[in-house]
Amino acid sequence: MLLASTPDNPAWGLRICEEADLGSGTVYPILERLVDAGWTVRRAETGEHPGRPKRYYYELTATGRQATHLASERKPRLFGLRPADDGGAA
């Protein structure tokens, strides 16, 4: 969600929670850490927003985009698991 956001279709906290199927107690602390690390910026919604609280929009910075690019190039960890053997029975 955050990677796909654009100025015309920004990411905000509750939308990220819904699309990731995660609770706000998980998502908002992560967003705050990303802001603190300089990987995202947060900006408050301007204008009228009747009937709901003001939204905060999140956007990746150049540093955040570079970090996500580097992370996507890494090989996944197996966490101590061995890859499946393609050679038949042991």
PDB file of N, CA and C in Angstrom:
ATOM      1  N   MET A   1       0.824  -1.188   0.000  1.00  0.00           N
ATOM      2  CA  MET A   1       0.000   0.000   0.000  1.00  0.00           C
ATOM      3  C   MET A   1       0.867   1.249   0.000  1.00  0.00           C
ATOM      4  N   LEU A   2       1.812   1.324   0.887  1.00  0.00           N
ATOM      5  CA  LEU A   2       2.669   2.500   0.974  1.00  0.00           C
ATOM      6  C   LEU A   2       3.521   2.641  -0.278  1.00  0.00           C
ATOM      7  N   LEU A   3       3.997   1.519  -0.806  1.00  0.00           N
ATOM      8  CA  LEU A   3       4.796   1.558  -2.031  1.00  0.00           C
ATOM      9  C   LEU A   3       3.987   2.032  -3.220  1.00  0.00           C
ATOM     10  N   ALA A   4       2.717   1.709  -3.259  1.00  0.00           N
ATOM     11  CA  ALA A   4       1.880   2.037  -4.402  1.00  0.00           C
ATOM     12  C   ALA A   4       1.208   3.402  -4.289  1.00  0.00           C
ATOM     13  N   SER A   5       1.405   4.093  -3.182  1.00  0.00           N
ATOM     14  CA  SER A   5       0.713   5.366  -3.001  1.00  0.00           C
ATOM     15  C   SER A   5       1.286   6.436  -3.927  1.00  0.00           C
ATOM     16  N   THR A   6       0.417   7.344  -4.320  1.00  0.00           N
ATOM     17  CA  THR A   6       0.775   8.474  -5.167  1.00  0.00           C
ATOM     18  C   THR A   6       0.144   9.718  -4.568  1.00  0.00           C
ATOM     19  N   PRO A   7       0.542  10.900  -5.012  1.00  0.00           N
ATOM     20  CA  PRO A   7      -0.121  12.108  -4.494  1.00  0.00           C
ATOM     21  C   PRO A   7      -1.633  12.112  -4.755  1.00  0.00           C
ATOM     22  N   ASP A   8      -2.071  11.496  -5.855  1.00  0.00           N
ATOM     23  CA  ASP A   8      -3.498  11.431  -6.157  1.00  0.00           C
ATOM     24  C   ASP A   8      -4.215  10.325  -5.388  1.00  0.00           C
ATOM     25  N   ASN A   9      -3.459   9.348  -4.895  1.00  0.00           N
ATOM     26  CA  ASN A   9      -4.027   8.207  -4.176  1.00  0.00           C
ATOM     27  C   ASN A   9      -3.126   7.901  -2.975  1.00  0.00           C
ATOM     28  N   PRO A  10      -3.131   8.792  -1.977  1.00  0.00           N
ATOM     29  CA  PRO A  10      -2.189   8.653  -0.867  1.00  0.00           C
ATOM     30  C   PRO A  10      -2.552   7.532   0.102  1.00  0.00           C
ATOM     31  N   ALA A  11      -1.568   7.114   0.867  1.00  0.00           N
ATOM     32  CA  ALA A  11      -1.761   6.102   1.911  1.00  0.00           C
ATOM     33  C   ALA A  11      -2.012   6.812   3.234  1.00  0.00           C
ATOM     34  N   TRP A  12      -3.007   6.336   3.983  1.00  0.00           N
ATOM     35  CA  TRP A  12      -3.224   6.846   5.333  1.00  0.00           C
ATOM     36  C   TRP A  12      -3.392   5.659   6.259  1.00  0.00           C
ATOM     37  N   GLY A  13      -3.221   5.906   7.543  1.00  0.00           N
ATOM     38  CA  GLY A  13      -3.144   4.843   8.529  1.00  0.00           C
ATOM     39  C   GLY A  13      -4.250   3.813   8.481  1.00  0.00           C
ATOM     40  N   LEU A  14      -5.505   4.229   8.557  1.00  0.00           N
ATOM     41  CA  LEU A  14      -6.607   3.270   8.594  1.00  0.00           C
ATOM     42  C   LEU A  14      -6.699   2.476   7.296  1.00  0.00           C
ATOM     43  N   ARG A  15      -6.429   3.115   6.185  1.00  0.00           N
ATOM     44  CA  ARG A  15      -6.459   2.404   4.895  1.00  0.00           C
ATOM     45  C   ARG A  15      -5.381   1.323   4.851  1.00  0.00           C
ATOM     46  N   ILE A  16      -4.201   1.652   5.380  1.00  0.00           N
ATOM     47  CA  ILE A  16      -3.120   0.663   5.447  1.00  0.00           C
ATOM     48  C   ILE A  16      -3.537  -0.498   6.348  1.00  0.00           C
ATOM     49  N   CYS A  17      -4.154  -0.197   7.493  1.00  0.00           N
ATOM     50  CA  CYS A  17      -4.637  -1.245   8.409  1.00  0.00           C
ATOM     51  C   CYS A  17      -5.601  -2.185   7.698  1.00  0.00           C
ATOM     52  N   GLU A  18      -6.549  -1.612   6.977  1.00  0.00           N
ATOM     53  CA  GLU A  18      -7.568  -2.421   6.306  1.00  0.00           C
ATOM     54  C   GLU A  18      -6.965  -3.278   5.193  1.00  0.00           C
ATOM     55  N   GLU A  19      -6.104  -2.680   4.379  1.00  0.00           N
ATOM     56  CA  GLU A  19      -5.544  -3.428   3.252  1.00  0.00           C
ATOM     57  C   GLU A  19      -4.539  -4.484   3.694  1.00  0.00           C
ATOM     58  N   ALA A  20      -3.846  -4.233   4.807  1.00  0.00           N
ATOM     59  CA  ALA A  20      -2.879  -5.202   5.321  1.00  0.00           C
ATOM     60  C   ALA A  20      -3.532  -6.217   6.248  1.00  0.00           C
ATOM     61  N   ASP A  21      -4.808  -5.980   6.594  1.00  0.00           N
ATOM     62  CA  ASP A  21      -5.533  -6.816   7.541  1.00  0.00           C
ATOM     63  C   ASP A  21      -4.790  -6.909   8.873  1.00  0.00           C
ATOM     64  N   LEU A  22      -4.335  -5.745   9.337  1.00  0.00           N
ATOM     65  CA  LEU A  22      -3.637  -5.633  10.613  1.00  0.00           C
ATOM     66  C   LEU A  22      -4.308  -4.555  11.452  1.00  0.00           C
ATOM     67  N   GLY A  23      -4.197  -4.689  12.757  1.00  0.00           N
ATOM     68  CA  GLY A  23      -4.779  -3.715  13.659  1.00  0.00           C
ATOM     69  C   GLY A  23      -3.966  -2.445  13.763  1.00  0.00           C
ATOM     70  N   SER A  24      -4.613  -1.403  14.235  1.00  0.00           N
ATOM     71  CA  SER A  24      -3.940  -0.109  14.371  1.00  0.00           C
ATOM     72  C   SER A  24      -2.787  -0.174  15.371  1.00  0.00           C
ATOM     73  N   GLY A  25      -2.887  -1.052  16.365  1.00  0.00           N
ATOM     74  CA  GLY A  25      -1.809  -1.206  17.341  1.00  0.00           C
ATOM     75  C   GLY A  25      -0.556  -1.807  16.744  1.00  0.00           C
ATOM     76  N   THR A  26      -0.672  -2.402  15.579  1.00  0.00           N
ATOM     77  CA  THR A  26       0.484  -2.923  14.844  1.00  0.00           C
ATOM     78  C   THR A  26       0.975  -1.908  13.823  1.00  0.00           C
ATOM     79  N   VAL A  27       0.042  -1.345  13.063  1.00  0.00           N
ATOM     80  CA  VAL A  27       0.412  -0.490  11.934  1.00  0.00           C
ATOM     81  C   VAL A  27       0.972   0.857  12.383  1.00  0.00           C
ATOM     82  N   TYR A  28       0.310   1.542  13.297  1.00  0.00           N
ATOM     83  CA  TYR A  28       0.756   2.895  13.658  1.00  0.00           C
ATOM     84  C   TYR A  28       2.155   2.930  14.286  1.00  0.00           C
ATOM     85  N   PRO A  29       2.503   1.990  15.172  1.00  0.00           N
ATOM     86  CA  PRO A  29       3.889   2.000  15.667  1.00  0.00           C
ATOM     87  C   PRO A  29       4.921   1.781  14.548  1.00  0.00           C
ATOM     88  N   ILE A  30       4.587   0.946  13.573  1.00  0.00           N
ATOM     89  CA  ILE A  30       5.496   0.732  12.445  1.00  0.00           C
ATOM     90  C   ILE A  30       5.631   2.019  11.643  1.00  0.00           C
ATOM     91  N   LEU A  31       4.515   2.687  11.368  1.00  0.00           N
ATOM     92  CA  LEU A  31       4.569   3.948  10.626  1.00  0.00           C
ATOM     93  C   LEU A  31       5.403   4.984  11.369  1.00  0.00           C
ATOM     94  N   GLU A  32       5.252   5.049  12.686  1.00  0.00           N
ATOM     95  CA  GLU A  32       6.043   6.005  13.472  1.00  0.00           C
ATOM     96  C   GLU A  32       7.541   5.703  13.388  1.00  0.00           C
ATOM     97  N   ARG A  33       7.890   4.406  13.426  1.00  0.00           N
ATOM     98  CA  ARG A  33       9.299   4.035  13.288  1.00  0.00           C
ATOM     99  C   ARG A  33       9.841   4.397  11.917  1.00  0.00           C
ATOM    100  N   LEU A  34       9.024   4.211  10.886  1.00  0.00           N
ATOM    101  CA  LEU A  34       9.453   4.573   9.534  1.00  0.00           C
ATOM    102  C   LEU A  34       9.656   6.088   9.416  1.00  0.00           C
ATOM    103  N   VAL A  35       8.789   6.872  10.053  1.00  0.00           N
ATOM    104  CA  VAL A  35       8.953   8.329  10.066  1.00  0.00           C
ATOM    105  C   VAL A  35      10.234   8.699  10.814  1.00  0.00           C
ATOM    106  N   ASP A  36      10.437   8.107  11.995  1.00  0.00           N
ATOM    107  CA  ASP A  36      11.627   8.397  12.799  1.00  0.00           C
ATOM    108  C   ASP A  36      12.916   8.031  12.066  1.00  0.00           C
ATOM    109  N   ALA A  37      12.868   6.973  11.258  1.00  0.00           N
ATOM    110  CA  ALA A  37      14.045   6.530  10.515  1.00  0.00           C
ATOM    111  C   ALA A  37      14.287   7.373   9.259  1.00  0.00           C
ATOM    112  N   GLY A  38      13.321   8.225   8.909  1.00  0.00           N
ATOM    113  CA  GLY A  38      13.463   9.038   7.711  1.00  0.00           C
ATOM    114  C   GLY A  38      13.052   8.319   6.437  1.00  0.00           C
ATOM    115  N   TRP A  39      12.387   7.183   6.570  1.00  0.00           N
ATOM    116  CA  TRP A  39      11.961   6.416   5.397  1.00  0.00           C
ATOM    117  C   TRP A  39      10.617   6.885   4.874  1.00  0.00           C
ATOM    118  N   THR A  40       9.820   7.514   5.722  1.00  0.00           N
ATOM    119  CA  THR A  40       8.541   8.074   5.302  1.00  0.00           C
ATOM    120  C   THR A  40       8.394   9.466   5.892  1.00  0.00           C
ATOM    121  N   VAL A  41       7.511  10.232   5.287  1.00  0.00           N
ATOM    122  CA  VAL A  41       7.094  11.511   5.855  1.00  0.00           C
ATOM    123  C   VAL A  41       5.597  11.425   6.096  1.00  0.00           C
ATOM    124  N   ARG A  42       5.151  12.143   7.095  1.00  0.00           N
ATOM    125  CA  ARG A  42       3.734  12.176   7.440  1.00  0.00           C
ATOM    126  C   ARG A  42       3.261  13.614   7.282  1.00  0.00           C
ATOM    127  N   ARG A  43       2.109  13.776   6.649  1.00  0.00           N
ATOM    128  CA  ARG A  43       1.526  15.108   6.540  1.00  0.00           C
ATOM    129  C   ARG A  43       0.042  15.029   6.898  1.00  0.00           C
ATOM    130  N   ALA A  44      -0.419  16.070   7.541  1.00  0.00           N
ATOM    131  CA  ALA A  44      -1.815  16.113   7.972  1.00  0.00           C
ATOM    132  C   ALA A  44      -2.711  16.524   6.813  1.00  0.00           C
ATOM    133  N   GLU A  45      -3.906  15.970   6.814  1.00  0.00           N
ATOM    134  CA  GLU A  45      -4.918  16.327   5.830  1.00  0.00           C
ATOM    135  C   GLU A  45      -5.308  17.789   6.027  1.00  0.00           C
ATOM    136  N   THR A  46      -5.514  18.474   4.939  1.00  0.00           N
ATOM    137  CA  THR A  46      -5.973  19.861   5.007  1.00  0.00           C
ATOM    138  C   THR A  46      -7.400  19.929   4.482  1.00  0.00           C
ATOM    139  N   GLY A  47      -8.067  20.981   4.791  1.00  0.00           N
ATOM    140  CA  GLY A  47      -9.434  21.154   4.306  1.00  0.00           C
ATOM    141  C   GLY A  47     -10.447  20.498   5.219  1.00  0.00           C
ATOM    142  N   GLU A  48     -11.661  20.467   4.732  1.00  0.00           N
ATOM    143  CA  GLU A  48     -12.783  19.920   5.494  1.00  0.00           C
ATOM    144  C   GLU A  48     -12.754  18.394   5.499  1.00  0.00           C
ATOM    145  N   HIS A  49     -13.141  17.820   6.611  1.00  0.00           N
ATOM    146  CA  HIS A  49     -13.278  16.369   6.746  1.00  0.00           C
ATOM    147  C   HIS A  49     -14.403  16.089   7.741  1.00  0.00           C
ATOM    148  N   PRO A  50     -15.626  16.495   7.378  1.00  0.00           N
ATOM    149  CA  PRO A  50     -16.753  16.354   8.319  1.00  0.00           C
ATOM    150  C   PRO A  50     -17.093  14.897   8.619  1.00  0.00           C
ATOM    151  N   GLY A  51     -17.394  14.663   9.872  1.00  0.00           N
ATOM    152  CA  GLY A  51     -17.858  13.345  10.278  1.00  0.00           C
ATOM    153  C   GLY A  51     -16.768  12.326  10.551  1.00  0.00           C
ATOM    154  N   ARG A  52     -15.505  12.734  10.469  1.00  0.00           N
ATOM    155  CA  ARG A  52     -14.412  11.801  10.762  1.00  0.00           C
ATOM    156  C   ARG A  52     -13.194  12.598  11.219  1.00  0.00           C
ATOM    157  N   PRO A  53     -12.284  11.944  11.906  1.00  0.00           N
ATOM    158  CA  PRO A  53     -11.056  12.630  12.326  1.00  0.00           C
ATOM    159  C   PRO A  53     -10.171  12.975  11.126  1.00  0.00           C
ATOM    160  N   LYS A  54      -9.286  13.914  11.338  1.00  0.00           N
ATOM    161  CA  LYS A  54      -8.323  14.299  10.316  1.00  0.00           C
ATOM    162  C   LYS A  54      -7.415  13.115  10.002  1.00  0.00           C
ATOM    163  N   ARG A  55      -7.118  12.896   8.735  1.00  0.00           N
ATOM    164  CA  ARG A  55      -6.212  11.827   8.320  1.00  0.00           C
ATOM    165  C   ARG A  55      -4.775  12.329   8.274  1.00  0.00           C
ATOM    166  N   TYR A  56      -3.860  11.397   8.464  1.00  0.00           N
ATOM    167  CA  TYR A  56      -2.443  11.666   8.253  1.00  0.00           C
ATOM    168  C   TYR A  56      -1.994  10.788   7.096  1.00  0.00           C
ATOM    169  N   TYR A  57      -1.411  11.426   6.100  1.00  0.00           N
ATOM    170  CA  TYR A  57      -0.953  10.720   4.911  1.00  0.00           C
ATOM    171  C   TYR A  57       0.520  10.386   5.057  1.00  0.00           C
ATOM    172  N   TYR A  58       0.908   9.231   4.537  1.00  0.00           N
ATOM    173  CA  TYR A  58       2.288   8.750   4.622  1.00  0.00           C
ATOM    174  C   TYR A  58       2.833   8.558   3.216  1.00  0.00           C
ATOM    175  N   GLU A  59       4.069   9.005   3.019  1.00  0.00           N
ATOM    176  CA  GLU A  59       4.714   8.886   1.725  1.00  0.00           C
ATOM    177  C   GLU A  59       6.166   8.477   1.928  1.00  0.00           C
ATOM    178  N   LEU A  60       6.624   7.540   1.110  1.00  0.00           N
ATOM    179  CA  LEU A  60       8.024   7.122   1.194  1.00  0.00           C
ATOM    180  C   LEU A  60       8.943   8.252   0.746  1.00  0.00           C
ATOM    181  N   THR A  61      10.060   8.396   1.437  1.00  0.00           N
ATOM    182  CA  THR A  61      11.095   9.343   1.024  1.00  0.00           C
ATOM    183  C   THR A  61      12.027   8.635   0.039  1.00  0.00           C
ATOM    184  N   ALA A  62      12.973   9.368  -0.508  1.00  0.00           N
ATOM    185  CA  ALA A  62      13.964   8.749  -1.404  1.00  0.00           C
ATOM    186  C   ALA A  62      14.745   7.677  -0.651  1.00  0.00           C
ATOM    187  N   THR A  63      15.070   7.930   0.604  1.00  0.00           N
ATOM    188  CA  THR A  63      15.778   6.950   1.424  1.00  0.00           C
ATOM    189  C   THR A  63      14.921   5.704   1.625  1.00  0.00           C
ATOM    190  N   GLY A  64      13.630   5.889   1.874  1.00  0.00           N
ATOM    191  CA  GLY A  64      12.714   4.767   2.053  1.00  0.00           C
ATOM    192  C   GLY A  64      12.557   3.952   0.783  1.00  0.00           C
ATOM    193  N   ARG A  65      12.480   4.618  -0.350  1.00  0.00           N
ATOM    194  CA  ARG A  65      12.372   3.898  -1.628  1.00  0.00           C
ATOM    195  C   ARG A  65      13.645   3.090  -1.899  1.00  0.00           C
ATOM    196  N   GLN A  66      14.794   3.680  -1.591  1.00  0.00           N
ATOM    197  CA  GLN A  66      16.058   2.961  -1.789  1.00  0.00           C
ATOM    198  C   GLN A  66      16.114   1.739  -0.865  1.00  0.00           C
ATOM    199  N   ALA A  67      15.699   1.902   0.381  1.00  0.00           N
ATOM    200  CA  ALA A  67      15.726   0.787   1.334  1.00  0.00           C
ATOM    201  C   ALA A  67      14.791  -0.340   0.896  1.00  0.00           C
ATOM    202  N   THR A  68      13.616   0.010   0.389  1.00  0.00           N
ATOM    203  CA  THR A  68      12.695  -1.036  -0.058  1.00  0.00           C
ATOM    204  C   THR A  68      13.227  -1.733  -1.306  1.00  0.00           C
ATOM    205  N   HIS A  69      13.894  -0.984  -2.161  1.00  0.00           N
ATOM    206  CA  HIS A  69      14.499  -1.595  -3.356  1.00  0.00           C
ATOM    207  C   HIS A  69      15.589  -2.581  -2.950  1.00  0.00           C
ATOM    208  N   LEU A  70      16.449  -2.183  -2.017  1.00  0.00           N
ATOM    209  CA  LEU A  70      17.520  -3.067  -1.553  1.00  0.00           C
ATOM    210  C   LEU A  70      16.943  -4.302  -0.867  1.00  0.00           C
ATOM    211  N   ALA A  71      15.902  -4.121  -0.075  1.00  0.00           N
ATOM    212  CA  ALA A  71      15.287  -5.259   0.620  1.00  0.00           C
ATOM    213  C   ALA A  71      14.661  -6.237  -0.368  1.00  0.00           C
ATOM    214  N   SER A  72      14.107  -5.731  -1.458  1.00  0.00           N
ATOM    215  CA  SER A  72      13.470  -6.625  -2.430  1.00  0.00           C
ATOM    216  C   SER A  72      14.501  -7.444  -3.202  1.00  0.00           C
ATOM    217  N   GLU A  73      15.754  -6.997  -3.221  1.00  0.00           N
ATOM    218  CA  GLU A  73      16.804  -7.729  -3.929  1.00  0.00           C
ATOM    219  C   GLU A  73      17.430  -8.831  -3.083  1.00  0.00           C
ATOM    220  N   ARG A  74      17.195  -8.804  -1.780  1.00  0.00           N
ATOM    221  CA  ARG A  74      17.776  -9.808  -0.894  1.00  0.00           C
ATOM    222  C   ARG A  74      17.107 -11.152  -1.088  1.00  0.00           C
ATOM    223  N   LYS A  75      17.880 -12.200  -0.855  1.00  0.00           N
ATOM    224  CA  LYS A  75      17.311 -13.548  -0.889  1.00  0.00           C
ATOM    225  C   LYS A  75      16.520 -13.765   0.393  1.00  0.00           C
ATOM    226  N   PRO A  76      15.384 -14.450   0.309  1.00  0.00           N
ATOM    227  CA  PRO A  76      14.608 -14.705   1.531  1.00  0.00           C
ATOM    228  C   PRO A  76      15.357 -15.635   2.468  1.00  0.00           C
ATOM    229  N   ARG A  77      15.174 -15.406   3.758  1.00  0.00           N
ATOM    230  CA  ARG A  77      15.773 -16.275   4.769  1.00  0.00           C
ATOM    231  C   ARG A  77      14.953 -17.543   4.898  1.00  0.00           C
ATOM    232  N   LEU A  78      15.623 -18.617   5.208  1.00  0.00           N
ATOM    233  CA  LEU A  78      14.926 -19.890   5.406  1.00  0.00           C
ATOM    234  C   LEU A  78      14.711 -20.193   6.880  1.00  0.00           C
ATOM    235  N   PHE A  79      15.307 -19.388   7.771  1.00  0.00           N
ATOM    236  CA  PHE A  79      15.141 -19.552   9.207  1.00  0.00           C
ATOM    237  C   PHE A  79      15.438 -20.971   9.667  1.00  0.00           C
ATOM    238  N   GLY A  80      16.554 -21.503   9.218  1.00  0.00           N
ATOM    239  CA  GLY A  80      16.991 -22.813   9.664  1.00  0.00           C
ATOM    240  C   GLY A  80      16.373 -23.965   8.905  1.00  0.00           C
ATOM    241  N   LEU A  81      15.466 -23.681   7.992  1.00  0.00           N
ATOM    242  CA  LEU A  81      14.844 -24.736   7.207  1.00  0.00           C
ATOM    243  C   LEU A  81      15.692 -25.015   5.977  1.00  0.00           C
ATOM    244  N   ARG A  82      15.689 -26.247   5.568  1.00  0.00           N
ATOM    245  CA  ARG A  82      16.436 -26.602   4.370  1.00  0.00           C
ATOM    246  C   ARG A  82      15.491 -26.605   3.177  1.00  0.00           C
ATOM    247  N   PRO A  83      15.987 -26.201   2.015  1.00  0.00           N
ATOM    248  CA  PRO A  83      15.134 -26.248   0.826  1.00  0.00           C
ATOM    249  C   PRO A  83      14.712 -27.687   0.525  1.00  0.00           C
ATOM    250  N   ALA A  84      13.582 -27.840  -0.108  1.00  0.00           N
ATOM    251  CA  ALA A  84      13.087 -29.177  -0.463  1.00  0.00           C
ATOM    252  C   ALA A  84      14.065 -29.872  -1.382  1.00  0.00           C
ATOM    253  N   ASP A  85      14.245 -31.164  -1.159  1.00  0.00           N
ATOM    254  CA  ASP A  85      15.150 -31.971  -1.960  1.00  0.00           C
ATOM    255  C   ASP A  85      14.433 -32.379  -3.242  1.00  0.00           C
ATOM    256  N   ASP A  86      15.033 -32.080  -4.373  1.00  0.00           N
ATOM    257  CA  ASP A  86      14.428 -32.436  -5.662  1.00  0.00           C
ATOM    258  C   ASP A  86      14.858 -33.823  -6.144  1.00  0.00           C
ATOM    259  N   GLY A  87      15.702 -34.512  -5.368  1.00  0.00           N
ATOM    260  CA  GLY A  87      16.284 -35.764  -5.841  1.00  0.00           C
ATOM    261  C   GLY A  87      15.528 -37.012  -5.508  1.00  0.00           C
ATOM    262  N   GLY A  88      14.337 -36.948  -4.982  1.00  0.00           N
ATOM    263  CA  GLY A  88      13.560 -38.156  -4.709  1.00  0.00           C
ATOM    264  C   GLY A  88      13.667 -38.581  -3.257  1.00  0.00           C
ATOM    265  N   ALA A  89      13.468 -39.862  -2.993  1.00  0.00           N
ATOM    266  CA  ALA A  89      13.436 -40.414  -1.621  1.00  0.00           C
ATOM    267  C   ALA A  89      14.823 -40.426  -1.001  1.00  0.00           C
ATOM    268  N   ALA A  90      14.837 -40.286   0.308  1.00  0.00           N
ATOM    269  CA  ALA A  90      16.116 -40.267   1.038  1.00  0.00           C
ATOM    270  C   ALA A  90      16.541 -41.636   1.445  1.00  0.00           C
TER     271      ALA A  90
END
